[in-house]
N, C-alpha and C. Protein backbone atom coordinates (compact mmCIF):
# COMPACT_ATOMS: atom_id res chain seq x y z
N MET A 1 -3.58 8.20 -43.84
CA MET A 1 -4.45 7.08 -42.47
C MET A 1 -3.57 7.60 -41.40
N ASN A 2 -4.32 7.96 -40.28
CA ASN A 2 -4.10 8.46 -38.97
C ASN A 2 -3.61 7.10 -38.05
N LYS A 3 -2.87 6.28 -37.80
CA LYS A 3 -2.89 5.15 -37.00
C LYS A 3 -2.29 5.67 -35.61
N ASN A 4 -1.89 6.77 -35.67
CA ASN A 4 -1.10 7.40 -34.54
C ASN A 4 -1.80 7.79 -33.85
N LEU A 5 -3.27 8.01 -34.11
CA LEU A 5 -4.31 8.66 -33.32
C LEU A 5 -4.52 7.68 -31.96
N SER A 6 -5.00 8.35 -30.79
CA SER A 6 -5.05 7.49 -29.71
C SER A 6 -6.94 7.53 -29.95
N LYS A 7 -7.27 6.76 -29.16
CA LYS A 7 -8.65 6.47 -28.82
C LYS A 7 -9.31 7.65 -28.22
N ASP A 8 -8.56 8.32 -27.31
CA ASP A 8 -9.16 10.01 -26.87
C ASP A 8 -9.22 10.54 -27.73
N GLU A 9 -8.07 10.87 -28.81
CA GLU A 9 -8.01 12.06 -29.69
C GLU A 9 -9.27 11.67 -30.52
N ILE A 10 -9.55 10.21 -31.15
CA ILE A 10 -10.77 10.23 -31.85
C ILE A 10 -11.67 10.95 -31.39
N ASP A 11 -12.20 10.31 -30.02
CA ASP A 11 -13.51 10.63 -29.78
C ASP A 11 -13.31 12.08 -29.27
N GLN A 12 -12.41 13.06 -28.92
CA GLN A 12 -12.24 14.25 -28.98
C GLN A 12 -12.54 14.99 -30.44
N HIS A 13 -12.00 14.32 -31.46
CA HIS A 13 -13.00 14.90 -32.70
C HIS A 13 -14.25 14.38 -32.96
N ILE A 14 -14.60 13.38 -32.77
CA ILE A 14 -15.93 13.00 -33.07
C ILE A 14 -16.96 14.10 -32.28
N ILE A 15 -16.58 14.53 -30.78
CA ILE A 15 -17.13 15.15 -30.02
C ILE A 15 -17.40 16.42 -30.67
N GLN A 16 -16.05 17.24 -31.29
CA GLN A 16 -16.04 18.52 -31.61
C GLN A 16 -16.80 18.95 -33.20
N ILE A 17 -16.70 17.68 -33.90
CA ILE A 17 -17.54 17.77 -35.08
C ILE A 17 -19.15 17.44 -34.80
N VAL A 18 -19.48 16.92 -33.95
CA VAL A 18 -21.10 17.15 -33.65
C VAL A 18 -21.48 18.15 -33.03
N LYS A 19 -20.17 18.70 -31.98
CA LYS A 19 -20.88 20.42 -31.63
C LYS A 19 -20.66 21.32 -32.62
N GLU A 20 -19.87 21.19 -33.63
CA GLU A 20 -19.67 22.36 -34.72
C GLU A 20 -20.83 22.12 -35.77
N LYS A 21 -20.38 20.99 -36.54
CA LYS A 21 -20.94 20.81 -37.43
C LYS A 21 -22.42 20.17 -37.60
N LYS A 22 -22.87 19.77 -36.39
CA LYS A 22 -24.24 19.13 -36.22
C LYS A 22 -24.89 18.31 -37.31
N PRO A 23 -24.16 16.97 -37.27
CA PRO A 23 -24.70 16.07 -38.71
C PRO A 23 -25.82 15.67 -37.89
N ASP A 24 -26.49 15.44 -39.18
CA ASP A 24 -28.14 15.30 -39.19
C ASP A 24 -28.30 13.63 -38.69
N ASN A 25 -27.17 13.06 -39.12
CA ASN A 25 -27.31 11.20 -38.84
C ASN A 25 -25.70 10.90 -38.86
N ILE A 26 -25.64 9.44 -38.50
CA ILE A 26 -24.28 8.60 -38.27
C ILE A 26 -23.35 8.96 -39.47
N GLU A 27 -24.24 8.79 -40.86
CA GLU A 27 -23.55 8.64 -42.12
C GLU A 27 -22.70 10.02 -42.30
N GLN A 28 -23.67 11.03 -41.89
CA GLN A 28 -22.97 12.36 -42.16
C GLN A 28 -21.57 12.58 -41.39
N LEU A 29 -21.90 12.13 -40.08
CA LEU A 29 -21.41 11.98 -39.10
C LEU A 29 -19.42 11.36 -39.31
N VAL A 30 -19.65 9.89 -40.09
CA VAL A 30 -18.68 9.16 -40.54
C VAL A 30 -17.86 9.63 -41.43
N LYS A 31 -18.64 10.74 -42.86
CA LYS A 31 -18.31 10.86 -43.61
C LYS A 31 -17.14 12.36 -43.50
N LEU A 32 -17.87 13.27 -42.37
CA LEU A 32 -17.07 14.28 -41.84
C LEU A 32 -15.75 13.47 -41.33
N MET A 33 -16.03 12.67 -40.29
CA MET A 33 -14.73 12.26 -39.70
C MET A 33 -13.67 11.69 -40.61
N GLN A 34 -14.04 11.06 -41.72
CA GLN A 34 -13.18 10.37 -42.54
C GLN A 34 -12.52 11.63 -43.78
N ASN A 35 -13.34 12.56 -44.11
CA ASN A 35 -12.62 13.83 -44.42
C ASN A 35 -11.73 14.42 -43.53
N LYS A 36 -12.02 14.53 -42.30
CA LYS A 36 -10.93 14.77 -41.42
C LYS A 36 -9.66 13.95 -41.09
N LEU A 37 -9.92 13.07 -40.81
CA LEU A 37 -8.99 11.94 -40.35
C LEU A 37 -8.51 11.06 -41.20
N SER A 38 -9.50 10.56 -42.18
CA SER A 38 -8.94 9.39 -43.10
C SER A 38 -9.24 7.95 -42.31
N LEU A 39 -10.07 7.97 -41.33
CA LEU A 39 -10.15 6.39 -40.66
C LEU A 39 -11.10 5.78 -41.25
N PRO A 40 -10.77 4.32 -40.96
CA PRO A 40 -12.18 3.42 -41.53
C PRO A 40 -13.25 3.59 -40.78
N GLU A 41 -14.49 3.31 -41.68
CA GLU A 41 -15.79 3.70 -41.21
C GLU A 41 -16.14 2.73 -39.82
N ARG A 42 -15.52 1.41 -39.93
CA ARG A 42 -15.77 0.66 -38.82
C ARG A 42 -15.41 1.29 -37.44
N GLU A 43 -13.93 1.54 -37.31
CA GLU A 43 -13.62 2.40 -36.24
C GLU A 43 -14.15 3.48 -35.84
N ILE A 44 -14.77 4.37 -36.62
CA ILE A 44 -15.52 5.36 -36.01
C ILE A 44 -16.73 5.18 -35.50
N LEU A 45 -17.37 4.09 -36.10
CA LEU A 45 -18.80 3.83 -35.60
C LEU A 45 -18.70 3.09 -34.18
N ASP A 46 -17.31 2.01 -34.13
CA ASP A 46 -17.28 1.91 -32.77
C ASP A 46 -16.83 2.55 -31.89
N ARG A 47 -16.33 3.98 -32.11
CA ARG A 47 -16.25 5.07 -31.21
C ARG A 47 -17.09 5.80 -31.02
N VAL A 48 -18.24 5.88 -31.76
CA VAL A 48 -19.37 6.91 -31.77
C VAL A 48 -20.44 6.04 -30.57
N LEU A 49 -20.30 4.46 -30.78
CA LEU A 49 -21.03 3.68 -30.12
C LEU A 49 -20.46 4.04 -28.43
N TYR A 50 -19.08 4.04 -28.53
CA TYR A 50 -18.78 4.06 -27.13
C TYR A 50 -18.74 5.28 -26.37
N LEU A 51 -18.94 6.16 -27.14
CA LEU A 51 -19.36 7.44 -26.64
C LEU A 51 -20.82 7.63 -26.25
N GLU A 52 -21.58 7.22 -26.87
CA GLU A 52 -23.00 7.06 -26.47
C GLU A 52 -23.21 6.26 -25.39
N GLU A 53 -22.37 4.97 -25.22
CA GLU A 53 -22.64 3.95 -24.28
C GLU A 53 -21.80 4.89 -22.60
N LYS A 54 -21.39 5.78 -22.98
CA LYS A 54 -20.21 6.26 -21.81
C LYS A 54 -21.00 7.71 -21.65
N GLU A 55 -22.42 7.91 -22.27
CA GLU A 55 -22.95 9.08 -22.09
C GLU A 55 -22.01 10.53 -22.13
N LYS A 56 -21.53 10.49 -23.08
CA LYS A 56 -20.30 11.67 -23.37
C LYS A 56 -21.00 12.24 -24.59
N LEU A 57 -21.72 11.19 -25.64
CA LEU A 57 -22.34 11.88 -26.84
C LEU A 57 -23.77 11.59 -26.57
N GLN A 58 -24.42 12.39 -26.98
CA GLN A 58 -25.99 12.32 -27.21
C GLN A 58 -26.77 12.39 -28.52
N LEU A 59 -26.90 11.31 -29.00
CA LEU A 59 -27.66 11.28 -30.40
C LEU A 59 -28.97 10.78 -30.20
N LYS A 60 -29.78 11.48 -31.15
CA LYS A 60 -30.94 11.19 -31.34
C LYS A 60 -31.05 9.69 -31.90
N PRO A 61 -32.51 8.91 -31.60
CA PRO A 61 -32.37 7.69 -31.81
C PRO A 61 -32.20 7.20 -33.08
N HIS A 62 -32.75 8.27 -34.05
CA HIS A 62 -32.36 8.07 -35.62
C HIS A 62 -31.26 8.03 -36.17
N GLN A 63 -30.35 8.65 -35.57
CA GLN A 63 -29.09 9.01 -35.54
C GLN A 63 -28.04 7.79 -35.53
N ILE A 64 -28.23 6.45 -35.06
CA ILE A 64 -27.77 5.49 -34.75
C ILE A 64 -28.03 4.63 -36.03
N ALA A 65 -26.99 4.57 -36.92
CA ALA A 65 -27.57 4.02 -37.80
C ALA A 65 -27.13 2.60 -38.20
N THR A 66 -27.74 1.65 -38.42
CA THR A 66 -27.01 0.12 -38.94
C THR A 66 -25.81 0.10 -39.99
N PRO A 67 -24.91 -0.12 -39.65
CA PRO A 67 -24.05 -0.27 -40.76
C PRO A 67 -25.05 -1.41 -42.18
N LYS A 68 -24.85 -0.98 -43.11
CA LYS A 68 -25.49 -1.33 -44.40
C LYS A 68 -24.81 -2.72 -45.03
N LYS A 69 -23.71 -2.75 -44.93
CA LYS A 69 -23.22 -3.94 -45.24
C LYS A 69 -22.87 -4.72 -43.76
N LEU A 70 -23.00 -6.37 -44.56
CA LEU A 70 -23.41 -7.20 -43.74
C LEU A 70 -21.79 -7.48 -42.42
N THR A 71 -20.74 -7.42 -43.68
CA THR A 71 -19.55 -7.78 -42.78
C THR A 71 -19.24 -6.47 -41.55
N THR A 72 -19.77 -5.21 -42.49
CA THR A 72 -19.40 -4.37 -41.19
C THR A 72 -20.04 -4.23 -40.36
N TYR A 73 -21.30 -4.65 -40.31
CA TYR A 73 -22.12 -5.00 -39.28
C TYR A 73 -21.59 -6.16 -38.07
N LEU A 74 -21.13 -7.24 -39.02
CA LEU A 74 -20.56 -8.18 -38.46
C LEU A 74 -19.52 -8.09 -37.34
N GLY A 75 -18.49 -6.70 -37.74
CA GLY A 75 -17.49 -6.15 -37.09
C GLY A 75 -17.99 -4.94 -35.91
N SER A 76 -19.12 -4.55 -35.78
CA SER A 76 -19.38 -3.60 -35.28
C SER A 76 -19.50 -4.26 -33.85
N SER A 77 -19.57 -3.12 -32.98
CA SER A 77 -19.88 -3.41 -31.46
C SER A 77 -21.39 -3.98 -31.37
N GLN A 78 -22.09 -3.63 -31.96
CA GLN A 78 -23.39 -4.28 -31.71
C GLN A 78 -23.77 -5.83 -31.75
N THR A 79 -22.56 -6.36 -32.26
CA THR A 79 -22.95 -7.83 -32.03
C THR A 79 -22.01 -8.65 -31.82
N TYR A 80 -21.67 -7.83 -30.32
CA TYR A 80 -20.48 -8.58 -29.60
C TYR A 80 -21.56 -9.75 -28.70
N TRP A 81 -22.62 -9.74 -28.83
CA TRP A 81 -23.35 -10.69 -28.01
C TRP A 81 -23.12 -11.90 -29.06
N PHE A 82 -23.40 -12.24 -30.28
CA PHE A 82 -23.10 -12.79 -30.96
C PHE A 82 -22.02 -14.03 -31.22
N TRP A 83 -20.71 -13.08 -31.31
CA TRP A 83 -19.33 -13.28 -31.09
C TRP A 83 -19.29 -14.15 -29.71
N ALA A 84 -19.73 -13.64 -28.39
CA ALA A 84 -19.46 -13.83 -27.41
C ALA A 84 -20.11 -15.78 -27.21
N THR A 85 -21.54 -15.77 -28.02
CA THR A 85 -22.05 -16.86 -27.82
C THR A 85 -21.48 -17.64 -28.44
N ILE A 86 -21.17 -17.24 -29.99
CA ILE A 86 -20.10 -18.24 -30.84
C ILE A 86 -18.93 -19.00 -30.20
N ILE A 87 -18.23 -17.91 -29.48
CA ILE A 87 -16.79 -18.31 -28.88
C ILE A 87 -17.15 -19.30 -27.78
N LEU A 88 -18.25 -18.97 -26.96
CA LEU A 88 -18.67 -19.96 -25.50
C LEU A 88 -19.06 -21.13 -26.05
N ALA A 89 -19.86 -21.12 -27.07
CA ALA A 89 -20.49 -22.54 -27.53
C ALA A 89 -19.16 -23.34 -28.26
N VAL A 90 -18.38 -22.99 -28.93
CA VAL A 90 -17.57 -23.76 -29.92
C VAL A 90 -16.11 -23.95 -28.43
N ILE A 91 -15.79 -23.09 -27.68
CA ILE A 91 -14.96 -23.68 -26.62
C ILE A 91 -15.75 -24.48 -25.63
N THR A 92 -16.92 -24.47 -25.32
CA THR A 92 -17.45 -25.70 -24.53
C THR A 92 -17.24 -26.80 -25.10
N THR A 93 -17.66 -26.91 -26.16
CA THR A 93 -17.56 -28.28 -27.38
C THR A 93 -16.15 -28.98 -27.55
N VAL A 94 -15.41 -27.88 -27.23
CA VAL A 94 -13.88 -28.46 -27.30
C VAL A 94 -13.70 -29.06 -26.06
N ILE A 95 -13.90 -28.13 -25.33
CA ILE A 95 -13.76 -28.55 -23.48
C ILE A 95 -14.12 -30.18 -22.97
N VAL A 96 -15.16 -30.27 -23.89
CA VAL A 96 -16.15 -31.51 -23.62
C VAL A 96 -15.60 -32.47 -24.33
N PHE A 97 -14.63 -32.42 -25.17
CA PHE A 97 -14.26 -33.33 -25.81
C PHE A 97 -12.78 -33.58 -25.65
N ILE A 98 -12.16 -32.43 -25.18
CA ILE A 98 -10.99 -33.00 -24.76
C ILE A 98 -10.54 -33.05 -23.57
N VAL A 99 -11.21 -32.51 -22.35
CA VAL A 99 -10.57 -32.68 -20.80
C VAL A 99 -11.85 -34.01 -20.28
N PRO A 100 -11.05 -35.15 -19.91
CA PRO A 100 -11.63 -36.26 -19.32
C PRO A 100 -12.54 -36.04 -18.06
N GLU A 101 -13.33 -36.85 -17.66
CA GLU A 101 -13.95 -36.21 -16.49
C GLU A 101 -13.05 -36.62 -15.45
N ASN A 102 -12.21 -37.46 -15.25
CA ASN A 102 -11.09 -37.79 -14.09
C ASN A 102 -9.78 -36.50 -13.90
N VAL A 103 -9.89 -35.47 -14.86
CA VAL A 103 -8.76 -34.93 -14.48
C VAL A 103 -9.15 -33.48 -13.81
N TYR A 104 -8.77 -33.69 -12.72
CA TYR A 104 -9.14 -32.38 -11.72
C TYR A 104 -7.71 -31.68 -11.40
N PRO A 105 -8.20 -30.06 -11.43
CA PRO A 105 -9.25 -29.26 -11.36
C PRO A 105 -9.96 -28.78 -12.74
N LEU A 106 -9.64 -29.44 -14.09
CA LEU A 106 -9.95 -28.65 -15.12
C LEU A 106 -11.54 -29.38 -15.44
N VAL A 107 -11.57 -30.50 -14.64
CA VAL A 107 -12.89 -30.99 -15.24
C VAL A 107 -14.37 -29.96 -14.51
N TYR A 108 -13.85 -29.06 -13.44
CA TYR A 108 -14.76 -28.06 -13.13
C TYR A 108 -15.04 -27.47 -14.27
N ALA A 109 -14.28 -26.63 -15.09
CA ALA A 109 -14.24 -25.65 -16.10
C ALA A 109 -15.45 -26.44 -17.31
N ARG A 110 -15.10 -27.96 -17.39
CA ARG A 110 -15.69 -28.23 -18.39
C ARG A 110 -17.59 -28.36 -17.53
N TYR A 111 -17.60 -28.40 -16.37
CA TYR A 111 -18.90 -28.78 -15.74
C TYR A 111 -19.94 -27.43 -15.76
N ILE A 112 -18.79 -26.24 -15.35
CA ILE A 112 -19.23 -24.61 -15.39
C ILE A 112 -19.86 -24.43 -16.81
N LEU A 113 -18.57 -24.75 -17.97
CA LEU A 113 -19.20 -24.28 -19.26
C LEU A 113 -20.17 -25.29 -19.40
N GLY A 114 -20.21 -26.43 -19.68
CA GLY A 114 -21.42 -27.31 -20.03
C GLY A 114 -22.86 -27.02 -19.43
N SER A 115 -22.88 -26.52 -18.08
CA SER A 115 -24.11 -25.81 -17.48
C SER A 115 -24.46 -24.57 -18.36
N ILE A 116 -23.75 -23.95 -18.66
CA ILE A 116 -24.23 -22.74 -19.65
C ILE A 116 -24.49 -23.11 -21.10
N PHE A 117 -23.70 -24.10 -21.22
CA PHE A 117 -24.19 -24.55 -23.16
C PHE A 117 -25.63 -25.14 -22.69
N ILE A 118 -25.89 -25.77 -21.66
CA ILE A 118 -27.20 -26.58 -21.75
C ILE A 118 -28.37 -25.81 -21.17
N LEU A 119 -28.18 -24.85 -20.23
CA LEU A 119 -29.42 -23.81 -19.26
C LEU A 119 -29.32 -22.82 -19.97
N TRP A 120 -28.28 -22.26 -20.85
CA TRP A 120 -28.55 -20.77 -21.06
C TRP A 120 -28.28 -20.54 -22.54
N LEU A 121 -27.44 -21.00 -23.27
CA LEU A 121 -27.03 -20.87 -24.65
C LEU A 121 -28.16 -21.01 -25.61
N PRO A 122 -28.97 -22.13 -25.79
CA PRO A 122 -29.92 -22.47 -26.52
C PRO A 122 -31.15 -21.67 -26.51
N GLY A 123 -31.36 -21.38 -25.12
CA GLY A 123 -32.74 -20.48 -25.06
C GLY A 123 -32.35 -18.85 -25.15
N TYR A 124 -31.32 -18.46 -24.94
CA TYR A 124 -30.91 -17.37 -25.05
C TYR A 124 -30.60 -17.13 -26.65
N THR A 125 -30.23 -17.85 -27.29
CA THR A 125 -30.17 -17.69 -28.72
C THR A 125 -31.65 -17.66 -29.38
N LEU A 126 -32.49 -18.23 -28.96
CA LEU A 126 -33.82 -18.59 -29.52
C LEU A 126 -34.74 -17.04 -29.10
N THR A 127 -34.47 -16.89 -27.81
CA THR A 127 -35.19 -15.70 -27.15
C THR A 127 -34.31 -14.65 -27.99
N LYS A 128 -33.33 -14.62 -28.51
CA LYS A 128 -32.79 -13.34 -29.40
C LYS A 128 -33.39 -13.45 -30.32
N ALA A 129 -33.51 -14.67 -31.21
CA ALA A 129 -34.38 -15.06 -32.57
C ALA A 129 -35.71 -14.45 -32.19
N LEU A 130 -36.64 -14.69 -31.41
CA LEU A 130 -37.98 -14.21 -31.34
C LEU A 130 -38.11 -12.75 -30.84
N PHE A 131 -37.09 -12.49 -30.15
CA PHE A 131 -37.04 -10.77 -29.75
C PHE A 131 -36.12 -9.83 -29.67
N PRO A 132 -35.47 -9.68 -31.56
CA PRO A 132 -34.41 -9.43 -31.74
C PRO A 132 -34.03 -8.00 -31.21
N THR A 133 -35.13 -6.79 -30.99
CA THR A 133 -34.51 -5.88 -30.37
C THR A 133 -34.88 -5.50 -28.77
N LYS A 134 -34.79 -4.49 -28.31
CA LYS A 134 -35.08 -4.36 -26.71
C LYS A 134 -36.31 -4.13 -26.64
N GLU A 135 -37.50 -5.02 -26.92
CA GLU A 135 -38.69 -5.35 -26.72
C GLU A 135 -38.94 -5.60 -25.15
N ILE A 136 -37.82 -6.56 -24.64
CA ILE A 136 -38.19 -7.22 -23.13
C ILE A 136 -36.95 -6.61 -22.41
N ASP A 137 -36.74 -6.63 -21.38
CA ASP A 137 -35.20 -6.24 -20.61
C ASP A 137 -34.46 -7.37 -20.34
N HIS A 138 -33.59 -6.79 -19.66
CA HIS A 138 -32.76 -8.05 -19.44
C HIS A 138 -33.12 -9.04 -18.36
N ILE A 139 -33.71 -8.78 -17.26
CA ILE A 139 -34.34 -9.91 -16.68
C ILE A 139 -35.17 -10.77 -17.10
N GLU A 140 -36.29 -10.19 -17.71
CA GLU A 140 -37.26 -11.08 -18.58
C GLU A 140 -36.37 -11.99 -20.04
N ARG A 141 -35.38 -11.38 -20.51
CA ARG A 141 -34.55 -11.92 -21.54
C ARG A 141 -33.73 -13.26 -20.55
N ALA A 142 -33.51 -12.59 -19.69
CA ALA A 142 -32.77 -14.32 -18.59
C ALA A 142 -33.46 -14.87 -18.23
N ALA A 143 -34.91 -14.70 -17.61
CA ALA A 143 -35.78 -15.62 -17.40
C ALA A 143 -36.13 -16.46 -18.34
N LEU A 144 -36.48 -15.56 -19.70
CA LEU A 144 -37.11 -16.61 -21.02
C LEU A 144 -35.85 -17.51 -21.31
N SER A 145 -34.76 -17.12 -21.24
CA SER A 145 -33.71 -17.84 -21.96
C SER A 145 -33.54 -19.09 -20.89
N ILE A 146 -33.61 -19.05 -19.88
CA ILE A 146 -33.10 -20.58 -19.37
C ILE A 146 -34.37 -21.33 -19.24
N GLY A 147 -35.88 -20.61 -19.24
CA GLY A 147 -37.29 -21.56 -19.63
C GLY A 147 -37.01 -21.88 -20.90
N MET A 148 -36.66 -21.52 -22.14
CA MET A 148 -36.68 -21.70 -23.09
C MET A 148 -35.38 -22.85 -23.24
N SER A 149 -34.37 -22.62 -22.65
CA SER A 149 -33.38 -23.62 -22.84
C SER A 149 -33.98 -25.10 -21.94
N LEU A 150 -34.64 -25.00 -20.92
CA LEU A 150 -35.09 -25.80 -20.44
C LEU A 150 -36.03 -26.76 -21.05
N ALA A 151 -36.47 -25.83 -22.42
CA ALA A 151 -37.96 -26.79 -22.75
C ALA A 151 -36.93 -27.19 -24.38
N VAL A 152 -35.99 -26.50 -24.57
CA VAL A 152 -35.48 -26.99 -26.25
C VAL A 152 -34.78 -28.10 -25.94
N VAL A 153 -33.71 -28.32 -24.99
CA VAL A 153 -32.75 -29.31 -25.00
C VAL A 153 -33.39 -30.61 -24.65
N PRO A 154 -34.66 -30.75 -23.96
CA PRO A 154 -34.97 -32.22 -23.79
C PRO A 154 -35.64 -32.45 -24.92
N ILE A 155 -36.25 -31.48 -25.65
CA ILE A 155 -36.86 -31.72 -27.27
C ILE A 155 -35.78 -32.22 -27.88
N THR A 156 -34.71 -31.63 -28.09
CA THR A 156 -33.43 -31.95 -28.56
C THR A 156 -33.01 -33.69 -28.45
N GLY A 157 -33.13 -33.86 -27.29
CA GLY A 157 -32.55 -35.33 -26.84
C GLY A 157 -34.08 -36.55 -27.40
N LEU A 158 -34.95 -35.78 -27.08
CA LEU A 158 -36.50 -36.67 -27.30
C LEU A 158 -35.99 -36.87 -29.19
N LEU A 159 -35.70 -35.97 -29.71
CA LEU A 159 -35.77 -36.33 -31.49
C LEU A 159 -34.34 -37.43 -31.50
N LEU A 160 -33.25 -36.97 -30.61
CA LEU A 160 -31.89 -37.56 -30.93
C LEU A 160 -32.14 -39.29 -30.50
N ASN A 161 -33.22 -39.40 -29.78
CA ASN A 161 -33.50 -40.78 -29.36
C ASN A 161 -33.94 -41.79 -30.21
N TYR A 162 -34.71 -40.92 -31.35
CA TYR A 162 -35.51 -41.82 -32.41
C TYR A 162 -34.44 -41.64 -33.54
N THR A 163 -33.09 -41.52 -33.69
CA THR A 163 -32.42 -41.58 -34.40
C THR A 163 -31.15 -42.43 -34.10
N PRO A 164 -30.35 -43.09 -35.24
CA PRO A 164 -29.48 -43.97 -35.08
C PRO A 164 -28.54 -43.66 -34.33
N TRP A 165 -28.25 -42.60 -33.95
CA TRP A 165 -27.10 -41.82 -32.88
C TRP A 165 -27.30 -42.30 -31.66
N GLY A 166 -28.72 -41.94 -31.14
CA GLY A 166 -29.24 -42.13 -29.97
C GLY A 166 -28.93 -41.16 -28.97
N ILE A 167 -28.97 -40.69 -27.69
CA ILE A 167 -28.75 -39.99 -26.51
C ILE A 167 -27.58 -40.45 -26.30
N ARG A 168 -26.43 -39.94 -26.73
CA ARG A 168 -24.90 -39.88 -26.35
C ARG A 168 -24.30 -38.81 -26.02
N LEU A 169 -23.12 -38.66 -25.38
CA LEU A 169 -22.42 -37.43 -25.55
C LEU A 169 -21.83 -36.75 -26.77
N THR A 170 -21.56 -37.36 -27.82
CA THR A 170 -21.39 -36.77 -28.75
C THR A 170 -22.46 -36.07 -29.50
N PRO A 171 -23.64 -37.09 -30.04
CA PRO A 171 -24.58 -36.56 -30.56
C PRO A 171 -25.18 -35.23 -29.65
N VAL A 172 -25.31 -35.37 -28.81
CA VAL A 172 -26.12 -34.34 -27.94
C VAL A 172 -25.09 -33.29 -27.64
N THR A 173 -23.81 -33.21 -27.60
CA THR A 173 -22.86 -32.03 -27.75
C THR A 173 -23.13 -31.33 -29.24
N LEU A 174 -23.07 -32.20 -30.38
CA LEU A 174 -22.83 -31.59 -31.52
C LEU A 174 -24.26 -31.33 -32.07
N SER A 175 -25.43 -31.62 -31.45
CA SER A 175 -26.74 -31.17 -31.78
C SER A 175 -27.08 -29.95 -31.20
N LEU A 176 -26.56 -29.76 -29.89
CA LEU A 176 -26.86 -28.40 -29.31
C LEU A 176 -25.86 -27.38 -29.91
N LEU A 177 -24.68 -27.73 -30.55
CA LEU A 177 -23.93 -26.78 -31.01
C LEU A 177 -24.55 -26.12 -32.43
N ALA A 178 -24.95 -27.12 -33.10
CA ALA A 178 -25.24 -26.62 -34.01
C ALA A 178 -26.64 -26.20 -34.31
N LEU A 179 -27.81 -26.06 -33.27
CA LEU A 179 -28.90 -25.57 -32.56
C LEU A 179 -28.28 -24.09 -32.16
N THR A 180 -27.35 -24.42 -31.32
CA THR A 180 -26.64 -22.50 -30.89
C THR A 180 -26.54 -21.78 -32.00
N LEU A 181 -25.82 -22.26 -33.05
CA LEU A 181 -25.34 -21.48 -33.86
C LEU A 181 -26.40 -21.11 -34.75
N ALA A 182 -26.89 -22.06 -35.20
CA ALA A 182 -28.21 -21.69 -36.49
C ALA A 182 -29.15 -20.70 -35.06
N LEU A 183 -29.51 -20.92 -34.27
CA LEU A 183 -30.53 -19.59 -33.77
C LEU A 183 -29.57 -18.17 -33.70
N ALA A 184 -28.49 -18.51 -33.21
CA ALA A 184 -27.69 -17.24 -33.08
C ALA A 184 -27.58 -16.36 -34.68
N THR A 185 -27.29 -17.36 -35.52
CA THR A 185 -27.15 -16.69 -37.03
C THR A 185 -28.88 -16.10 -37.10
N VAL A 186 -29.78 -16.91 -37.13
CA VAL A 186 -31.09 -16.37 -37.47
C VAL A 186 -31.03 -15.08 -36.68
N ALA A 187 -31.04 -14.93 -35.19
CA ALA A 187 -31.24 -13.87 -34.51
C ALA A 187 -30.34 -12.63 -34.88
N LEU A 188 -28.90 -13.08 -35.48
CA LEU A 188 -28.53 -11.86 -36.17
C LEU A 188 -28.71 -11.00 -37.08
N LEU A 189 -29.12 -12.26 -37.98
CA LEU A 189 -29.96 -11.49 -39.23
C LEU A 189 -31.51 -10.79 -38.93
N ARG A 190 -32.22 -11.31 -37.88
CA ARG A 190 -33.27 -10.45 -37.79
C ARG A 190 -32.92 -9.28 -36.72
N GLU A 191 -32.08 -9.29 -36.18
CA GLU A 191 -31.80 -8.05 -35.44
C GLU A 191 -31.08 -6.84 -36.26
N ARG A 192 -30.53 -7.31 -37.55
CA ARG A 192 -29.83 -6.41 -38.42
C ARG A 192 -31.26 -5.91 -39.19
N GLN A 193 -31.86 -6.88 -39.39
CA GLN A 193 -33.15 -6.51 -40.51
C GLN A 193 -34.33 -5.40 -39.73
N VAL A 194 -34.45 -6.07 -38.28
CA VAL A 194 -35.08 -4.87 -38.02
C VAL A 194 -34.52 -3.45 -37.63
N GLU A 195 -33.33 -3.39 -37.07
CA GLU A 195 -32.50 -2.12 -37.09
C GLU A 195 -32.44 -1.47 -38.81
N THR A 196 -32.25 -2.09 -39.37
CA THR A 196 -32.31 -1.49 -40.72
C THR A 196 -33.53 -0.99 -41.28
N GLU A 197 -34.71 -1.72 -40.90
CA GLU A 197 -36.16 -1.23 -40.91
C GLU A 197 -36.54 0.20 -40.12
N THR A 198 -35.85 0.19 -39.20
CA THR A 198 -36.48 1.14 -38.30
C THR A 198 -35.94 2.70 -38.60
N PRO A 199 -37.06 3.31 -39.10
CA PRO A 199 -36.33 4.57 -39.32
C PRO A 199 -35.97 5.64 -38.39
């Protein structure tokens, strides 16, 4: 295992293999890299996606394959949005319960994260679940995310009103957390399914 190789050296090897061997797909490229350097598949995929993002490597659309295993897919850079959403939702929930309303200036972090938690995350995850691929651009996704949040959050409050818990801080926060986590998971699974079915 070549743990002493820098990322730049790995990138140079990838570019060299693509130029010399011209692999037909990403799986062939990964196998060639593993034969040459004995690196883990996840590390190679991350470097290939990085090179593609930085336009140092031009791959045909069918060459960028989604990892077959769910665990490998969860560790790939394609799922950064999922982990960012989960971490942000959990941190916001913790801050809401830990930071009291009269502790300044920490309360401002609670306000900012709470606003994102209510006005963005539920709608963003719902939009991702409905449109898992790049069918809509970033501006449309942002507008839909805010609009969907403004629709979903009041419905959640309305449903909570008819439960024994009512509309209080704890049930509302936990309900929105559960909703965001569930929608993010559905969105992730749909995104992976669409990407694996795409030829």
